[in-house]
Amino acid sequence: MVEYIDLIMVLGVCVFALAFPAMIGAFTRGAPPRTAMLAIFAGGVMMLYANSSRPGGYSVAEMPQVFIRVIQGV
């Protein structure tokens, strides 16, 4: 079960991070950043869920190891 929680955390961080370029693009076009705001919300919810589901939560220092575990499939 921990592997899925790690995967949810990594996906949440990626969605959250990719929302910012989308927001900047929407602002430069003069359009409202609806999709970017939805992505920020979804990524934030995924990160909060993963952090609250794991005993002890996540720390910033262990995030590189979490990414490596998910990419390697360990």
PDB file of N, CA and C in Angstrom:
ATOM      1  N   MET A   1       0.814  -1.198   0.000  1.00  0.00           N
ATOM      2  CA  MET A   1       0.000   0.000   0.000  1.00  0.00           C
ATOM      3  C   MET A   1       0.860   1.266   0.000  1.00  0.00           C
ATOM      4  N   VAL A   2       2.041   1.176   0.598  1.00  0.00           N
ATOM      5  CA  VAL A   2       2.919   2.343   0.661  1.00  0.00           C
ATOM      6  C   VAL A   2       3.366   2.753  -0.734  1.00  0.00           C
ATOM      7  N   GLU A   3       3.528   1.766  -1.630  1.00  0.00           N
ATOM      8  CA  GLU A   3       3.950   2.099  -2.990  1.00  0.00           C
ATOM      9  C   GLU A   3       2.920   2.981  -3.679  1.00  0.00           C
ATOM     10  N   TYR A   4       1.650   2.700  -3.467  1.00  0.00           N
ATOM     11  CA  TYR A   4       0.608   3.508  -4.084  1.00  0.00           C
ATOM     12  C   TYR A   4       0.569   4.912  -3.494  1.00  0.00           C
ATOM     13  N   ILE A   5       0.818   5.013  -2.222  1.00  0.00           N
ATOM     14  CA  ILE A   5       0.845   6.325  -1.587  1.00  0.00           C
ATOM     15  C   ILE A   5       2.022   7.134  -2.133  1.00  0.00           C
ATOM     16  N   ASP A   6       3.162   6.475  -2.322  1.00  0.00           N
ATOM     17  CA  ASP A   6       4.309   7.159  -2.924  1.00  0.00           C
ATOM     18  C   ASP A   6       3.984   7.607  -4.343  1.00  0.00           C
ATOM     19  N   LEU A   7       3.313   6.757  -5.102  1.00  0.00           N
ATOM     20  CA  LEU A   7       2.937   7.104  -6.468  1.00  0.00           C
ATOM     21  C   LEU A   7       1.984   8.289  -6.494  1.00  0.00           C
ATOM     22  N   ILE A   8       1.030   8.301  -5.586  1.00  0.00           N
ATOM     23  CA  ILE A   8       0.091   9.425  -5.507  1.00  0.00           C
ATOM     24  C   ILE A   8       0.834  10.708  -5.164  1.00  0.00           C
ATOM     25  N   MET A   9       1.796  10.630  -4.276  1.00  0.00           N
ATOM     26  CA  MET A   9       2.576  11.817  -3.918  1.00  0.00           C
ATOM     27  C   MET A   9       3.380  12.325  -5.117  1.00  0.00           C
ATOM     28  N   VAL A  10       4.039  11.437  -5.829  1.00  0.00           N
ATOM     29  CA  VAL A  10       4.852  11.841  -6.977  1.00  0.00           C
ATOM     30  C   VAL A  10       3.968  12.426  -8.075  1.00  0.00           C
ATOM     31  N   LEU A  11       2.840  11.796  -8.350  1.00  0.00           N
ATOM     32  CA  LEU A  11       1.925  12.338  -9.360  1.00  0.00           C
ATOM     33  C   LEU A  11       1.369  13.692  -8.938  1.00  0.00           C
ATOM     34  N   GLY A  12       1.066  13.838  -7.663  1.00  0.00           N
ATOM     35  CA  GLY A  12       0.572  15.121  -7.173  1.00  0.00           C
ATOM     36  C   GLY A  12       1.599  16.229  -7.322  1.00  0.00           C
ATOM     37  N   VAL A  13       2.850  15.929  -7.011  1.00  0.00           N
ATOM     38  CA  VAL A  13       3.912  16.925  -7.155  1.00  0.00           C
ATOM     39  C   VAL A  13       4.084  17.300  -8.626  1.00  0.00           C
ATOM     40  N   CYS A  14       4.042  16.304  -9.517  1.00  0.00           N
ATOM     41  CA  CYS A  14       4.211  16.580 -10.952  1.00  0.00           C
ATOM     42  C   CYS A  14       3.056  17.403 -11.503  1.00  0.00           C
ATOM     43  N   VAL A  15       1.824  17.050 -11.153  1.00  0.00           N
ATOM     44  CA  VAL A  15       0.660  17.815 -11.623  1.00  0.00           C
ATOM     45  C   VAL A  15       0.718  19.235 -11.085  1.00  0.00           C
ATOM     46  N   PHE A  16       1.056  19.366  -9.822  1.00  0.00           N
ATOM     47  CA  PHE A  16       1.155  20.684  -9.196  1.00  0.00           C
ATOM     48  C   PHE A  16       2.219  21.534  -9.881  1.00  0.00           C
ATOM     49  N   ALA A  17       3.368  20.929 -10.171  1.00  0.00           N
ATOM     50  CA  ALA A  17       4.470  21.680 -10.794  1.00  0.00           C
ATOM     51  C   ALA A  17       4.154  22.062 -12.236  1.00  0.00           C
ATOM     52  N   LEU A  18       3.478  21.190 -12.970  1.00  0.00           N
ATOM     53  CA  LEU A  18       3.164  21.485 -14.366  1.00  0.00           C
ATOM     54  C   LEU A  18       2.014  22.477 -14.518  1.00  0.00           C
ATOM     55  N   ALA A  19       1.306  22.748 -13.449  1.00  0.00           N
ATOM     56  CA  ALA A  19       0.208  23.707 -13.524  1.00  0.00           C
ATOM     57  C   ALA A  19       0.717  25.137 -13.638  1.00  0.00           C
ATOM     58  N   PHE A  20       1.887  25.416 -13.115  1.00  0.00           N
ATOM     59  CA  PHE A  20       2.392  26.789 -13.143  1.00  0.00           C
ATOM     60  C   PHE A  20       2.735  27.277 -14.546  1.00  0.00           C
ATOM     61  N   PRO A  21       3.397  26.485 -15.404  1.00  0.00           N
ATOM     62  CA  PRO A  21       3.572  26.953 -16.784  1.00  0.00           C
ATOM     63  C   PRO A  21       2.242  27.138 -17.514  1.00  0.00           C
ATOM     64  N   ALA A  22       1.270  26.274 -17.222  1.00  0.00           N
ATOM     65  CA  ALA A  22      -0.047  26.425 -17.835  1.00  0.00           C
ATOM     66  C   ALA A  22      -0.716  27.718 -17.381  1.00  0.00           C
ATOM     67  N   MET A  23      -0.520  28.077 -16.124  1.00  0.00           N
ATOM     68  CA  MET A  23      -1.103  29.311 -15.612  1.00  0.00           C
ATOM     69  C   MET A  23      -0.447  30.528 -16.268  1.00  0.00           C
ATOM     70  N   ILE A  24       0.858  30.487 -16.402  1.00  0.00           N
ATOM     71  CA  ILE A  24       1.559  31.605 -17.035  1.00  0.00           C
ATOM     72  C   ILE A  24       1.117  31.741 -18.493  1.00  0.00           C
ATOM     73  N   GLY A  25       0.957  30.614 -19.180  1.00  0.00           N
ATOM     74  CA  GLY A  25       0.492  30.647 -20.558  1.00  0.00           C
ATOM     75  C   GLY A  25      -0.907  31.228 -20.685  1.00  0.00           C
ATOM     76  N   ALA A  26      -1.776  30.885 -19.759  1.00  0.00           N
ATOM     77  CA  ALA A  26      -3.130  31.431 -19.796  1.00  0.00           C
ATOM     78  C   ALA A  26      -3.116  32.930 -19.533  1.00  0.00           C
ATOM     79  N   PHE A  27      -2.296  33.374 -18.605  1.00  0.00           N
ATOM     80  CA  PHE A  27      -2.220  34.808 -18.324  1.00  0.00           C
ATOM     81  C   PHE A  27      -1.668  35.589 -19.506  1.00  0.00           C
ATOM     82  N   THR A  28      -0.682  35.019 -20.207  1.00  0.00           N
ATOM     83  CA  THR A  28      -0.121  35.740 -21.350  1.00  0.00           C
ATOM     84  C   THR A  28      -1.107  35.804 -22.511  1.00  0.00           C
ATOM     85  N   ARG A  29      -1.993  34.819 -22.634  1.00  0.00           N
ATOM     86  CA  ARG A  29      -3.020  34.864 -23.676  1.00  0.00           C
ATOM     87  C   ARG A  29      -4.200  35.737 -23.282  1.00  0.00           C
ATOM     88  N   GLY A  30      -4.263  36.111 -22.030  1.00  0.00           N
ATOM     89  CA  GLY A  30      -5.379  36.906 -21.543  1.00  0.00           C
ATOM     90  C   GLY A  30      -6.595  36.070 -21.191  1.00  0.00           C
ATOM     91  N   ALA A  31      -6.412  34.770 -21.102  1.00  0.00           N
ATOM     92  CA  ALA A  31      -7.510  33.864 -20.765  1.00  0.00           C
ATOM     93  C   ALA A  31      -7.492  33.563 -19.269  1.00  0.00           C
ATOM     94  N   PRO A  32      -8.638  33.229 -18.714  1.00  0.00           N
ATOM     95  CA  PRO A  32      -8.649  32.837 -17.296  1.00  0.00           C
ATOM     96  C   PRO A  32      -7.983  31.467 -17.125  1.00  0.00           C
ATOM     97  N   PRO A  33      -7.175  31.295 -16.101  1.00  0.00           N
ATOM     98  CA  PRO A  33      -6.423  30.040 -15.928  1.00  0.00           C
ATOM     99  C   PRO A  33      -7.247  28.951 -15.239  1.00  0.00           C
ATOM    100  N   ARG A  34      -8.377  28.590 -15.823  1.00  0.00           N
ATOM    101  CA  ARG A  34      -9.266  27.610 -15.189  1.00  0.00           C
ATOM    102  C   ARG A  34      -8.622  26.234 -15.098  1.00  0.00           C
ATOM    103  N   THR A  35      -8.044  25.777 -16.183  1.00  0.00           N
ATOM    104  CA  THR A  35      -7.427  24.448 -16.184  1.00  0.00           C
ATOM    105  C   THR A  35      -6.236  24.393 -15.240  1.00  0.00           C
ATOM    106  N   ALA A  36      -5.457  25.451 -15.219  1.00  0.00           N
ATOM    107  CA  ALA A  36      -4.302  25.489 -14.327  1.00  0.00           C
ATOM    108  C   ALA A  36      -4.743  25.481 -12.861  1.00  0.00           C
ATOM    109  N   MET A  37      -5.794  26.194 -12.565  1.00  0.00           N
ATOM    110  CA  MET A  37      -6.283  26.209 -11.180  1.00  0.00           C
ATOM    111  C   MET A  37      -6.826  24.837 -10.785  1.00  0.00           C
ATOM    112  N   LEU A  38      -7.482  24.160 -11.719  1.00  0.00           N
ATOM    113  CA  LEU A  38      -7.961  22.806 -11.451  1.00  0.00           C
ATOM    114  C   LEU A  38      -6.787  21.860 -11.224  1.00  0.00           C
ATOM    115  N   ALA A  39      -5.727  22.016 -11.998  1.00  0.00           N
ATOM    116  CA  ALA A  39      -4.536  21.177 -11.824  1.00  0.00           C
ATOM    117  C   ALA A  39      -3.856  21.464 -10.488  1.00  0.00           C
ATOM    118  N   ILE A  40      -3.788  22.722 -10.095  1.00  0.00           N
ATOM    119  CA  ILE A  40      -3.210  23.063  -8.794  1.00  0.00           C
ATOM    120  C   ILE A  40      -4.027  22.443  -7.673  1.00  0.00           C
ATOM    121  N   PHE A  41      -5.344  22.525  -7.793  1.00  0.00           N
ATOM    122  CA  PHE A  41      -6.216  21.929  -6.779  1.00  0.00           C
ATOM    123  C   PHE A  41      -6.040  20.409  -6.733  1.00  0.00           C
ATOM    124  N   ALA A  42      -6.051  19.759  -7.907  1.00  0.00           N
ATOM    125  CA  ALA A  42      -5.921  18.300  -7.944  1.00  0.00           C
ATOM    126  C   ALA A  42      -4.563  17.848  -7.400  1.00  0.00           C
ATOM    127  N   GLY A  43      -3.493  18.528  -7.796  1.00  0.00           N
ATOM    128  CA  GLY A  43      -2.169  18.170  -7.295  1.00  0.00           C
ATOM    129  C   GLY A  43      -2.052  18.382  -5.794  1.00  0.00           C
ATOM    130  N   GLY A  44      -2.623  19.472  -5.313  1.00  0.00           N
ATOM    131  CA  GLY A  44      -2.600  19.738  -3.880  1.00  0.00           C
ATOM    132  C   GLY A  44      -3.371  18.701  -3.084  1.00  0.00           C
ATOM    133  N   VAL A  45      -4.525  18.308  -3.593  1.00  0.00           N
ATOM    134  CA  VAL A  45      -5.323  17.281  -2.913  1.00  0.00           C
ATOM    135  C   VAL A  45      -4.582  15.950  -2.906  1.00  0.00           C
ATOM    136  N   MET A  46      -3.949  15.608  -4.017  1.00  0.00           N
ATOM    137  CA  MET A  46      -3.186  14.358  -4.061  1.00  0.00           C
ATOM    138  C   MET A  46      -2.035  14.375  -3.063  1.00  0.00           C
ATOM    139  N   MET A  47      -1.328  15.505  -2.976  1.00  0.00           N
ATOM    140  CA  MET A  47      -0.222  15.601  -2.030  1.00  0.00           C
ATOM    141  C   MET A  47      -0.723  15.547  -0.591  1.00  0.00           C
ATOM    142  N   LEU A  48      -1.820  16.229  -0.298  1.00  0.00           N
ATOM    143  CA  LEU A  48      -2.369  16.183   1.058  1.00  0.00           C
ATOM    144  C   LEU A  48      -2.847  14.790   1.435  1.00  0.00           C
ATOM    145  N   TYR A  49      -3.498  14.102   0.495  1.00  0.00           N
ATOM    146  CA  TYR A  49      -3.968  12.744   0.758  1.00  0.00           C
ATOM    147  C   TYR A  49      -2.799  11.809   1.035  1.00  0.00           C
ATOM    148  N   ALA A  50      -1.762  11.889   0.200  1.00  0.00           N
ATOM    149  CA  ALA A  50      -0.606  11.010   0.383  1.00  0.00           C
ATOM    150  C   ALA A  50       0.113  11.316   1.691  1.00  0.00           C
ATOM    151  N   ASN A  51       0.245  12.581   2.018  1.00  0.00           N
ATOM    152  CA  ASN A  51       0.943  12.961   3.245  1.00  0.00           C
ATOM    153  C   ASN A  51       0.164  12.528   4.481  1.00  0.00           C
ATOM    154  N   SER A  52      -1.158  12.601   4.421  1.00  0.00           N
ATOM    155  CA  SER A  52      -1.956  12.206   5.586  1.00  0.00           C
ATOM    156  C   SER A  52      -2.132  10.695   5.672  1.00  0.00           C
ATOM    157  N   SER A  53      -1.980   9.979   4.561  1.00  0.00           N
ATOM    158  CA  SER A  53      -2.156   8.528   4.572  1.00  0.00           C
ATOM    159  C   SER A  53      -0.910   7.782   5.026  1.00  0.00           C
ATOM    160  N   ARG A  54       0.231   8.406   4.905  1.00  0.00           N
ATOM    161  CA  ARG A  54       1.487   7.750   5.302  1.00  0.00           C
ATOM    162  C   ARG A  54       1.779   8.065   6.764  1.00  0.00           C
ATOM    163  N   PRO A  55       2.060   7.044   7.554  1.00  0.00           N
ATOM    164  CA  PRO A  55       2.399   7.298   8.957  1.00  0.00           C
ATOM    165  C   PRO A  55       3.658   8.161   9.068  1.00  0.00           C
ATOM    166  N   GLY A  56       3.558   9.278   9.726  1.00  0.00           N
ATOM    167  CA  GLY A  56       4.679  10.192   9.861  1.00  0.00           C
ATOM    168  C   GLY A  56       4.786  11.202   8.742  1.00  0.00           C
ATOM    169  N   GLY A  57       4.048  10.987   7.662  1.00  0.00           N
ATOM    170  CA  GLY A  57       4.060  11.924   6.542  1.00  0.00           C
ATOM    171  C   GLY A  57       5.371  11.888   5.768  1.00  0.00           C
ATOM    172  N   TYR A  58       5.551  12.884   4.939  1.00  0.00           N
ATOM    173  CA  TYR A  58       6.751  13.025   4.116  1.00  0.00           C
ATOM    174  C   TYR A  58       7.526  14.251   4.580  1.00  0.00           C
ATOM    175  N   SER A  59       8.833  14.187   4.427  1.00  0.00           N
ATOM    176  CA  SER A  59       9.649  15.369   4.654  1.00  0.00           C
ATOM    177  C   SER A  59      10.265  15.772   3.316  1.00  0.00           C
ATOM    178  N   VAL A  60      10.687  17.003   3.238  1.00  0.00           N
ATOM    179  CA  VAL A  60      11.289  17.497   1.998  1.00  0.00           C
ATOM    180  C   VAL A  60      12.574  16.740   1.695  1.00  0.00           C
ATOM    181  N   ALA A  61      13.311  16.366   2.715  1.00  0.00           N
ATOM    182  CA  ALA A  61      14.592  15.691   2.524  1.00  0.00           C
ATOM    183  C   ALA A  61      14.435  14.298   1.906  1.00  0.00           C
ATOM    184  N   GLU A  62      13.306  13.647   2.126  1.00  0.00           N
ATOM    185  CA  GLU A  62      13.145  12.297   1.589  1.00  0.00           C
ATOM    186  C   GLU A  62      12.420  12.250   0.249  1.00  0.00           C
ATOM    187  N   MET A  63      12.029  13.385  -0.292  1.00  0.00           N
ATOM    188  CA  MET A  63      11.326  13.393  -1.571  1.00  0.00           C
ATOM    189  C   MET A  63      12.161  12.847  -2.729  1.00  0.00           C
ATOM    190  N   PRO A  64      13.467  13.126  -2.823  1.00  0.00           N
ATOM    191  CA  PRO A  64      14.232  12.497  -3.910  1.00  0.00           C
ATOM    192  C   PRO A  64      14.207  10.969  -3.847  1.00  0.00           C
ATOM    193  N   GLN A  65      14.273  10.391  -2.654  1.00  0.00           N
ATOM    194  CA  GLN A  65      14.204   8.944  -2.521  1.00  0.00           C
ATOM    195  C   GLN A  65      12.835   8.417  -2.922  1.00  0.00           C
ATOM    196  N   VAL A  66      11.777   9.175  -2.633  1.00  0.00           N
ATOM    197  CA  VAL A  66      10.428   8.765  -3.020  1.00  0.00           C
ATOM    198  C   VAL A  66      10.318   8.750  -4.542  1.00  0.00           C
ATOM    199  N   PHE A  67      10.830   9.788  -5.207  1.00  0.00           N
ATOM    200  CA  PHE A  67      10.806   9.817  -6.666  1.00  0.00           C
ATOM    201  C   PHE A  67      11.579   8.640  -7.243  1.00  0.00           C
ATOM    202  N   ILE A  68      12.747   8.350  -6.697  1.00  0.00           N
ATOM    203  CA  ILE A  68      13.560   7.238  -7.193  1.00  0.00           C
ATOM    204  C   ILE A  68      12.861   5.916  -6.995  1.00  0.00           C
ATOM    205  N   ARG A  69      12.228   5.706  -5.842  1.00  0.00           N
ATOM    206  CA  ARG A  69      11.485   4.471  -5.589  1.00  0.00           C
ATOM    207  C   ARG A  69      10.363   4.298  -6.586  1.00  0.00           C
ATOM    208  N   VAL A  70       9.644   5.356  -6.881  1.00  0.00           N
ATOM    209  CA  VAL A  70       8.527   5.259  -7.811  1.00  0.00           C
ATOM    210  C   VAL A  70       9.027   4.999  -9.226  1.00  0.00           C
ATOM    211  N   ILE A  71      10.066   5.685  -9.651  1.00  0.00           N
ATOM    212  CA  ILE A  71      10.589   5.496 -11.010  1.00  0.00           C
ATOM    213  C   ILE A  71      11.176   4.102 -11.180  1.00  0.00           C
ATOM    214  N   GLN A  72      11.885   3.617 -10.186  1.00  0.00           N
ATOM    215  CA  GLN A  72      12.471   2.276 -10.278  1.00  0.00           C
ATOM    216  C   GLN A  72      11.442   1.175 -10.055  1.00  0.00           C
ATOM    217  N   GLY A  73      10.314   1.507  -9.452  1.00  0.00           N
ATOM    218  CA  GLY A  73       9.293   0.497  -9.194  1.00  0.00           C
ATOM    219  C   GLY A  73       9.605  -0.385  -8.015  1.00  0.00           C
ATOM    220  N   VAL A  74      10.385   0.132  -7.086  1.00  0.00           N
ATOM    221  CA  VAL A  74      10.782  -0.652  -5.905  1.00  0.00           C
ATOM    222  C   VAL A  74       9.722  -0.537  -4.845  1.00  0.00           C
TER     223      VAL A  74
END
